[in-house]
Amino acid sequence: MKKTDNKHENYEILNLIGYGLSKFNNDFIAQFGFKTKTAFYNYCVGLGICKTTGVVKNRMDLFDFFFLIMGEEAGGKKVTHTFIEKFK
């Protein structure tokens, strides 16, 4: 896949992985046969999808906001966004 603009060369697959991690958390990685996110991240690096595990983590973080409901866990971490807090 040729790199165009400023998009990562595996932009689409990273979006799908990030979405799956954020929405389904550990159930997503279990479908690939992994017990930890770290092992799954390293698998993605090993396949050449990205160069570092941070790329996968950051992509998951991009989607966390969509699955966050008033401070509940999204992507395996508890977060409360200031934006949501203002409208409570």
N, C-alpha and C. Protein backbone atom coordinates (compact mmCIF):
# COMPACT_ATOMS: atom_id res chain seq x y z
N MET A 1 0.83 -1.16 0.00
CA MET A 1 0.00 0.00 0.00
C MET A 1 0.89 1.24 0.00
N LYS A 2 0.68 2.13 -0.93
CA LYS A 2 1.52 3.31 -1.05
C LYS A 2 1.02 4.42 -0.12
N LYS A 3 1.97 5.10 0.52
CA LYS A 3 1.64 6.17 1.46
C LYS A 3 1.25 7.42 0.67
N THR A 4 0.08 7.97 0.98
CA THR A 4 -0.38 9.20 0.34
C THR A 4 -0.71 10.22 1.42
N ASP A 5 -0.55 11.47 1.10
CA ASP A 5 -0.80 12.56 2.04
C ASP A 5 -0.03 12.31 3.33
N ASN A 6 -0.68 12.58 4.46
CA ASN A 6 -0.05 12.36 5.76
C ASN A 6 -0.59 11.13 6.46
N LYS A 7 -1.36 10.34 5.77
CA LYS A 7 -1.94 9.14 6.37
C LYS A 7 -0.88 8.05 6.52
N HIS A 8 -1.04 7.29 7.58
CA HIS A 8 -0.18 6.11 7.79
C HIS A 8 -0.45 5.14 6.66
N GLU A 9 0.55 4.40 6.25
CA GLU A 9 0.37 3.47 5.13
C GLU A 9 -0.67 2.38 5.41
N ASN A 10 -0.91 2.09 6.69
CA ASN A 10 -1.93 1.11 7.07
C ASN A 10 -3.09 1.78 7.82
N TYR A 11 -3.43 2.96 7.38
CA TYR A 11 -4.46 3.79 8.00
C TYR A 11 -5.76 3.04 8.26
N GLU A 12 -6.26 2.34 7.25
CA GLU A 12 -7.56 1.68 7.36
C GLU A 12 -7.55 0.54 8.37
N ILE A 13 -6.54 -0.31 8.30
CA ILE A 13 -6.49 -1.45 9.22
C ILE A 13 -6.25 -0.96 10.65
N LEU A 14 -5.46 0.10 10.81
CA LEU A 14 -5.26 0.66 12.15
C LEU A 14 -6.55 1.22 12.72
N ASN A 15 -7.36 1.83 11.87
CA ASN A 15 -8.67 2.32 12.32
C ASN A 15 -9.56 1.16 12.78
N LEU A 16 -9.56 0.09 12.05
CA LEU A 16 -10.37 -1.07 12.43
C LEU A 16 -9.87 -1.68 13.74
N ILE A 17 -8.57 -1.78 13.89
CA ILE A 17 -7.99 -2.31 15.12
C ILE A 17 -8.31 -1.39 16.30
N GLY A 18 -8.13 -0.09 16.10
CA GLY A 18 -8.42 0.87 17.16
C GLY A 18 -9.87 0.85 17.57
N TYR A 19 -10.76 0.74 16.59
CA TYR A 19 -12.20 0.65 16.87
C TYR A 19 -12.50 -0.60 17.70
N GLY A 20 -11.97 -1.72 17.26
CA GLY A 20 -12.22 -2.98 17.95
C GLY A 20 -11.70 -2.98 19.38
N LEU A 21 -10.49 -2.44 19.57
CA LEU A 21 -9.92 -2.37 20.91
C LEU A 21 -10.74 -1.47 21.82
N SER A 22 -11.17 -0.35 21.29
CA SER A 22 -11.91 0.60 22.10
C SER A 22 -13.30 0.09 22.45
N LYS A 23 -13.97 -0.49 21.50
CA LYS A 23 -15.35 -0.94 21.72
C LYS A 23 -15.42 -2.25 22.51
N PHE A 24 -14.58 -3.21 22.16
CA PHE A 24 -14.70 -4.55 22.73
C PHE A 24 -13.62 -4.90 23.75
N ASN A 25 -12.60 -4.05 23.86
CA ASN A 25 -11.54 -4.20 24.85
C ASN A 25 -10.92 -5.60 24.80
N ASN A 26 -10.87 -6.31 25.90
CA ASN A 26 -10.19 -7.62 25.94
C ASN A 26 -10.90 -8.70 25.13
N ASP A 27 -12.19 -8.55 24.90
CA ASP A 27 -12.90 -9.52 24.04
C ASP A 27 -12.34 -9.47 22.61
N PHE A 28 -11.92 -8.30 22.18
CA PHE A 28 -11.35 -8.14 20.84
C PHE A 28 -10.03 -8.89 20.72
N ILE A 29 -9.14 -8.69 21.69
CA ILE A 29 -7.84 -9.36 21.59
C ILE A 29 -7.97 -10.87 21.78
N ALA A 30 -8.97 -11.29 22.53
CA ALA A 30 -9.19 -12.73 22.74
C ALA A 30 -9.56 -13.42 21.43
N GLN A 31 -10.22 -12.70 20.54
CA GLN A 31 -10.58 -13.27 19.24
C GLN A 31 -9.35 -13.58 18.38
N PHE A 32 -8.24 -12.94 18.70
CA PHE A 32 -6.99 -13.19 17.99
C PHE A 32 -6.10 -14.17 18.76
N GLY A 33 -6.60 -14.66 19.90
CA GLY A 33 -5.86 -15.65 20.66
C GLY A 33 -4.88 -15.07 21.67
N PHE A 34 -5.05 -13.81 22.03
CA PHE A 34 -4.14 -13.18 22.99
C PHE A 34 -4.84 -12.94 24.31
N LYS A 35 -4.05 -12.97 25.39
CA LYS A 35 -4.59 -12.73 26.72
C LYS A 35 -4.29 -11.33 27.21
N THR A 36 -3.28 -10.68 26.64
CA THR A 36 -2.93 -9.32 27.05
C THR A 36 -2.88 -8.40 25.84
N LYS A 37 -3.14 -7.13 26.11
CA LYS A 37 -3.05 -6.14 25.03
C LYS A 37 -1.61 -5.99 24.56
N THR A 38 -0.67 -6.08 25.48
CA THR A 38 0.74 -5.94 25.11
C THR A 38 1.13 -6.99 24.08
N ALA A 39 0.71 -8.22 24.28
CA ALA A 39 1.01 -9.28 23.32
C ALA A 39 0.36 -8.99 21.97
N PHE A 40 -0.86 -8.48 22.00
CA PHE A 40 -1.54 -8.13 20.76
C PHE A 40 -0.84 -6.98 20.04
N TYR A 41 -0.43 -5.95 20.81
CA TYR A 41 0.29 -4.82 20.21
C TYR A 41 1.58 -5.30 19.55
N ASN A 42 2.31 -6.16 20.25
CA ASN A 42 3.55 -6.69 19.68
C ASN A 42 3.30 -7.52 18.43
N TYR A 43 2.18 -8.22 18.40
CA TYR A 43 1.78 -8.98 17.21
C TYR A 43 1.58 -8.04 16.02
N CYS A 44 0.91 -6.92 16.26
CA CYS A 44 0.69 -5.93 15.19
C CYS A 44 2.00 -5.39 14.66
N VAL A 45 2.94 -5.12 15.57
CA VAL A 45 4.26 -4.65 15.17
C VAL A 45 4.98 -5.74 14.37
N GLY A 46 4.88 -6.98 14.83
CA GLY A 46 5.52 -8.11 14.15
C GLY A 46 4.99 -8.34 12.74
N LEU A 47 3.71 -8.05 12.54
CA LEU A 47 3.12 -8.18 11.20
C LEU A 47 3.51 -7.03 10.27
N GLY A 48 4.07 -5.98 10.86
CA GLY A 48 4.45 -4.82 10.05
C GLY A 48 3.31 -3.83 9.84
N ILE A 49 2.25 -3.96 10.62
CA ILE A 49 1.13 -3.03 10.51
C ILE A 49 1.58 -1.65 10.98
N CYS A 50 2.46 -1.62 11.99
CA CYS A 50 3.00 -0.37 12.51
C CYS A 50 4.41 -0.65 13.03
N LYS A 51 5.14 0.43 13.30
CA LYS A 51 6.52 0.27 13.75
C LYS A 51 6.66 0.17 15.26
N THR A 52 5.70 0.76 15.99
CA THR A 52 5.76 0.72 17.45
C THR A 52 4.39 0.38 18.03
N THR A 53 4.38 -0.11 19.25
CA THR A 53 3.12 -0.43 19.90
C THR A 53 2.32 0.83 20.21
N GLY A 54 3.00 1.95 20.35
CA GLY A 54 2.32 3.21 20.64
C GLY A 54 1.35 3.62 19.55
N VAL A 55 1.63 3.24 18.32
CA VAL A 55 0.74 3.57 17.21
C VAL A 55 -0.62 2.91 17.43
N VAL A 56 -0.63 1.66 17.84
CA VAL A 56 -1.88 0.94 18.08
C VAL A 56 -2.62 1.55 19.27
N LYS A 57 -1.89 1.83 20.34
CA LYS A 57 -2.50 2.43 21.53
C LYS A 57 -3.14 3.78 21.20
N ASN A 58 -2.42 4.60 20.45
CA ASN A 58 -2.95 5.92 20.08
C ASN A 58 -4.20 5.81 19.22
N ARG A 59 -4.23 4.82 18.34
CA ARG A 59 -5.40 4.65 17.48
C ARG A 59 -6.60 4.24 18.32
N MET A 60 -6.38 3.38 19.32
CA MET A 60 -7.45 3.00 20.23
C MET A 60 -7.97 4.23 20.98
N ASP A 61 -7.06 5.09 21.41
CA ASP A 61 -7.43 6.29 22.15
C ASP A 61 -8.31 7.22 21.31
N LEU A 62 -8.10 7.23 20.00
CA LEU A 62 -8.92 8.08 19.13
C LEU A 62 -10.39 7.67 19.18
N PHE A 63 -10.65 6.39 19.37
CA PHE A 63 -12.02 5.89 19.36
C PHE A 63 -12.65 5.80 20.75
N ASP A 64 -11.85 5.90 21.79
CA ASP A 64 -12.38 5.78 23.15
C ASP A 64 -13.52 6.74 23.43
N PHE A 65 -13.43 7.95 22.93
CA PHE A 65 -14.46 8.95 23.20
C PHE A 65 -15.85 8.47 22.75
N PHE A 66 -15.92 7.73 21.66
CA PHE A 66 -17.21 7.29 21.12
C PHE A 66 -17.88 6.22 21.99
N PHE A 67 -17.10 5.54 22.80
CA PHE A 67 -17.64 4.47 23.63
C PHE A 67 -17.64 4.82 25.11
N LEU A 68 -17.28 6.02 25.42
CA LEU A 68 -17.25 6.49 26.80
C LEU A 68 -18.62 7.03 27.18
N ILE A 69 -19.20 6.49 28.22
CA ILE A 69 -20.51 6.95 28.68
C ILE A 69 -20.38 7.40 30.12
N MET A 70 -20.35 8.70 30.31
CA MET A 70 -20.30 9.32 31.63
C MET A 70 -19.27 8.68 32.56
N GLY A 71 -18.04 8.57 32.10
CA GLY A 71 -16.96 8.11 32.96
C GLY A 71 -16.77 6.61 33.02
N GLU A 72 -17.53 5.85 32.25
CA GLU A 72 -17.33 4.41 32.25
C GLU A 72 -16.05 4.07 31.52
N GLU A 73 -15.64 2.83 31.64
CA GLU A 73 -14.41 2.42 30.99
C GLU A 73 -14.59 2.34 29.49
N ALA A 74 -13.55 2.76 28.79
CA ALA A 74 -13.47 2.63 27.34
C ALA A 74 -12.04 2.27 27.01
N GLY A 75 -11.84 1.25 26.25
CA GLY A 75 -10.49 0.84 25.89
C GLY A 75 -9.66 0.40 27.08
N GLY A 76 -10.31 -0.01 28.15
CA GLY A 76 -9.60 -0.55 29.29
C GLY A 76 -9.16 0.47 30.32
N LYS A 77 -9.59 1.71 30.20
CA LYS A 77 -9.20 2.69 31.19
C LYS A 77 -10.38 3.56 31.58
N LYS A 78 -10.37 4.05 32.79
CA LYS A 78 -11.46 4.89 33.27
C LYS A 78 -11.09 6.34 33.01
N VAL A 79 -11.94 7.02 32.26
CA VAL A 79 -11.67 8.39 31.84
C VAL A 79 -12.93 9.21 31.99
N THR A 80 -12.80 10.44 32.38
CA THR A 80 -13.92 11.37 32.36
C THR A 80 -13.49 12.58 31.57
N HIS A 81 -14.17 12.84 30.49
CA HIS A 81 -13.84 13.98 29.66
C HIS A 81 -14.47 15.25 30.21
N THR A 82 -13.74 16.31 30.20
CA THR A 82 -14.23 17.60 30.68
C THR A 82 -15.45 18.04 29.89
N PHE A 83 -15.44 17.77 28.60
CA PHE A 83 -16.56 18.14 27.75
C PHE A 83 -17.86 17.53 28.25
N ILE A 84 -17.83 16.27 28.59
CA ILE A 84 -19.03 15.58 29.08
C ILE A 84 -19.42 16.12 30.45
N GLU A 85 -18.44 16.39 31.29
CA GLU A 85 -18.72 16.88 32.63
C GLU A 85 -19.51 18.19 32.61
N LYS A 86 -19.28 19.04 31.64
CA LYS A 86 -19.94 20.33 31.56
C LYS A 86 -21.44 20.21 31.29
N PHE A 87 -21.86 19.08 30.72
CA PHE A 87 -23.26 18.91 30.34
C PHE A 87 -24.05 18.00 31.26
N LYS A 88 -23.47 17.61 32.36
CA LYS A 88 -24.18 16.74 33.31
C LYS A 88 -25.26 17.50 34.02
